C-alpha atoms as a PDB file:
ATOM      1  CA  MET A   1     105.671 138.677  -1.093  1.00  0.00           C
ATOM      2  CA  LYS A   2     106.417 135.474   0.790  1.00  0.00           C
ATOM      3  CA  THR A   3     107.528 132.299  -0.938  1.00  0.00           C
ATOM      4  CA  ILE A   4     105.463 129.146  -0.524  1.00  0.00           C
ATOM      5  CA  ALA A   5     108.033 127.730   1.923  1.00  0.00           C
ATOM      6  CA  GLN A   6     107.828 130.905   4.001  1.00  0.00           C
ATOM      7  CA  GLN A   7     104.030 130.720   4.041  1.00  0.00           C
ATOM      8  CA  LEU A   8     104.200 127.090   5.170  1.00  0.00           C
ATOM      9  CA  ASN A   9     107.009 127.734   7.681  1.00  0.00           C
ATOM     10  CA  TRP A  10     108.890 124.973   5.848  1.00  0.00           C
ATOM     11  CA  ASP A  11     111.868 123.591   7.756  1.00  0.00           C
ATOM     12  CA  PHE A  12     114.503 122.804   5.112  1.00  0.00           C
ATOM     13  CA  GLU A  13     116.801 121.097   7.636  1.00  0.00           C
ATOM     14  CA  VAL A  14     114.085 118.623   8.616  1.00  0.00           C
ATOM     15  CA  ASN A  15     112.146 118.311   5.330  1.00  0.00           C
ATOM     16  CA  GLY A  16     114.716 119.077   2.637  1.00  0.00           C
ATOM     17  CA  ASN A  17     113.797 120.983  -0.503  1.00  0.00           C
ATOM     18  CA  LEU A  18     110.158 121.869  -1.088  1.00  0.00           C
ATOM     19  CA  GLU A  19     108.817 120.116  -4.184  1.00  0.00           C
ATOM     20  CA  ILE A  20     105.247 120.285  -5.443  1.00  0.00           C
ATOM     21  CA  ARG A  21     104.177 117.983  -8.259  1.00  0.00           C
ATOM     22  CA  ASN A  22     101.008 117.704 -10.340  1.00  0.00           C
ATOM     23  CA  LYS A  23      98.847 114.577 -10.737  1.00  0.00           C
ATOM     24  CA  ASP A  24     101.200 113.346 -13.485  1.00  0.00           C
ATOM     25  CA  TRP A  25     104.132 113.652 -11.064  1.00  0.00           C
ATOM     26  CA  GLN A  26     105.641 116.572 -13.023  1.00  0.00           C
ATOM     27  CA  LEU A  27     107.474 119.143 -10.928  1.00  0.00           C
ATOM     28  CA  ILE A  28     105.443 122.370 -10.809  1.00  0.00           C
ATOM     29  CA  TYR A  29     107.237 124.151  -7.947  1.00  0.00           C
ATOM     30  CA  LEU A  30     110.665 123.826  -6.363  1.00  0.00           C
ATOM     31  CA  GLU A  31     112.152 125.861  -3.545  1.00  0.00           C
ATOM     32  CA  LEU A  32     115.625 125.467  -2.083  1.00  0.00           C
ATOM     33  CA  SER A  33     116.974 126.508   1.308  1.00  0.00           C
ATOM     34  CA  ASN A  34     118.882 129.415  -0.289  1.00  0.00           C
ATOM     35  CA  ALA A  35     115.488 130.990  -1.242  1.00  0.00           C
ATOM     36  CA  PHE A  36     115.798 130.024  -4.919  1.00  0.00           C
ATOM     37  CA  TRP A  37     112.436 128.973  -6.342  1.00  0.00           C
ATOM     38  CA  ALA A  38     111.164 127.883  -9.748  1.00  0.00           C
ATOM     39  CA  LYS A  39     107.754 127.050 -11.142  1.00  0.00           C
ATOM     40  CA  TRP A  40     106.584 125.200 -14.227  1.00  0.00           C
ATOM     41  CA  GLU A  41     103.342 124.882 -16.186  1.00  0.00           C
ATOM     42  CA  TYR A  42     102.597 122.110 -18.668  1.00  0.00           C
ATOM     43  CA  ASN A  43     100.160 121.919 -21.574  1.00  0.00           C
ATOM     44  CA  SER A  44      97.547 119.195 -22.065  1.00  0.00           C
ATOM     45  CA  ARG A  45     100.141 117.010 -23.798  1.00  0.00           C
ATOM     46  CA  GLY A  46     102.473 117.185 -20.803  1.00  0.00           C
ATOM     47  CA  ASN A  47     105.013 119.466 -22.481  1.00  0.00           C
ATOM     48  CA  GLN A  48     106.483 122.396 -20.592  1.00  0.00           C
ATOM     49  CA  ALA A  49     104.594 125.554 -21.535  1.00  0.00           C
ATOM     50  CA  TYR A  50     105.950 127.997 -18.943  1.00  0.00           C
ATOM     51  CA  TYR A  51     108.930 128.362 -16.602  1.00  0.00           C
ATOM     52  CA  GLN A  52     109.797 131.130 -14.152  1.00  0.00           C
ATOM     53  CA  ASP A  53     112.381 131.365 -11.382  1.00  0.00           C
ATOM     54  CA  SER A  54     113.480 133.711  -8.639  1.00  0.00           C
ATOM     55  CA  LYS A  55     116.461 134.912 -10.705  1.00  0.00           C
ATOM     56  CA  GLY A  56     114.066 136.462 -13.233  1.00  0.00           C
ATOM     57  CA  VAL A  57     114.292 133.797 -15.935  1.00  0.00           C
ATOM     58  CA  ILE A  58     110.999 133.370 -17.798  1.00  0.00           C
ATOM     59  CA  ILE A  59     110.370 130.976 -20.672  1.00  0.00           C
ATOM     60  CA  ASP A  60     106.842 131.356 -21.995  1.00  0.00           C
ATOM     61  CA  ASN A  61     105.685 128.933 -24.674  1.00  0.00           C
ATOM     62  CA  ARG A  62     101.979 129.268 -23.889  1.00  0.00           C
ATOM     63  CA  PRO A  63      99.665 129.980 -26.838  1.00  0.00           C
ATOM     64  CA  LYS A  64      99.228 133.671 -27.517  1.00  0.00           C
ATOM     65  CA  SER A  65      95.865 135.329 -27.974  1.00  0.00           C
ATOM     66  CA  CYS A  66      94.727 136.058 -31.517  1.00  0.00           C
ATOM     67  CA  GLU A  67      92.853 139.160 -30.378  1.00  0.00           C
ATOM     68  CA  GLY A  68      93.602 142.166 -32.563  1.00  0.00           C
ATOM     69  CA  LYS A  69      94.934 140.137 -35.489  1.00  0.00           C
ATOM     70  CA  MET A  70      93.481 140.503 -38.953  1.00  0.00           C
ATOM     71  CA  VAL A  71      92.175 137.621 -41.038  1.00  0.00           C
ATOM     72  CA  GLU A  72      90.852 137.650 -44.570  1.00  0.00           C
ATOM     73  CA  PHE A  73      87.962 135.469 -45.687  1.00  0.00           C
ATOM     74  CA  ASP A  74      86.545 135.634 -49.215  1.00  0.00           C
ATOM     75  CA  GLY A  75      88.334 138.926 -49.790  1.00  0.00           C
ATOM     76  CA  VAL A  76      86.891 140.589 -46.674  1.00  0.00           C
ATOM     77  CA  LYS A  77      89.221 141.513 -43.797  1.00  0.00           C
ATOM     78  CA  TYR A  78      88.112 140.920 -40.228  1.00  0.00           C
ATOM     79  CA  LYS A  79      89.707 141.990 -36.980  1.00  0.00           C
ATOM     80  CA  LEU A  80      89.566 139.340 -34.258  1.00  0.00           C
ATOM     81  CA  VAL A  81      88.140 140.387 -30.904  1.00  0.00           C
ATOM     82  CA  LYS A  82      87.798 138.518 -27.640  1.00  0.00           C
ATOM     83  CA  VAL A  83      84.245 137.405 -26.907  1.00  0.00           C
END
């Protein structure tokens, strides 16, 4: 799979590092000339929710699905399912 810089035929010598930012100017993608890349996702409050890089580091703070969990309401247990 090609990196974004490879897909764009990015010239690091001319353009420098490839940085992509969101509308709030937060860095969402970075690629360096040595082929290292990293990507970020942010939640609605602007806090980092996800990070992944080309070295295999993943930090995932995104909300997890409640599907399959049990809840009890008025003494009756219910299993949550995705609708």
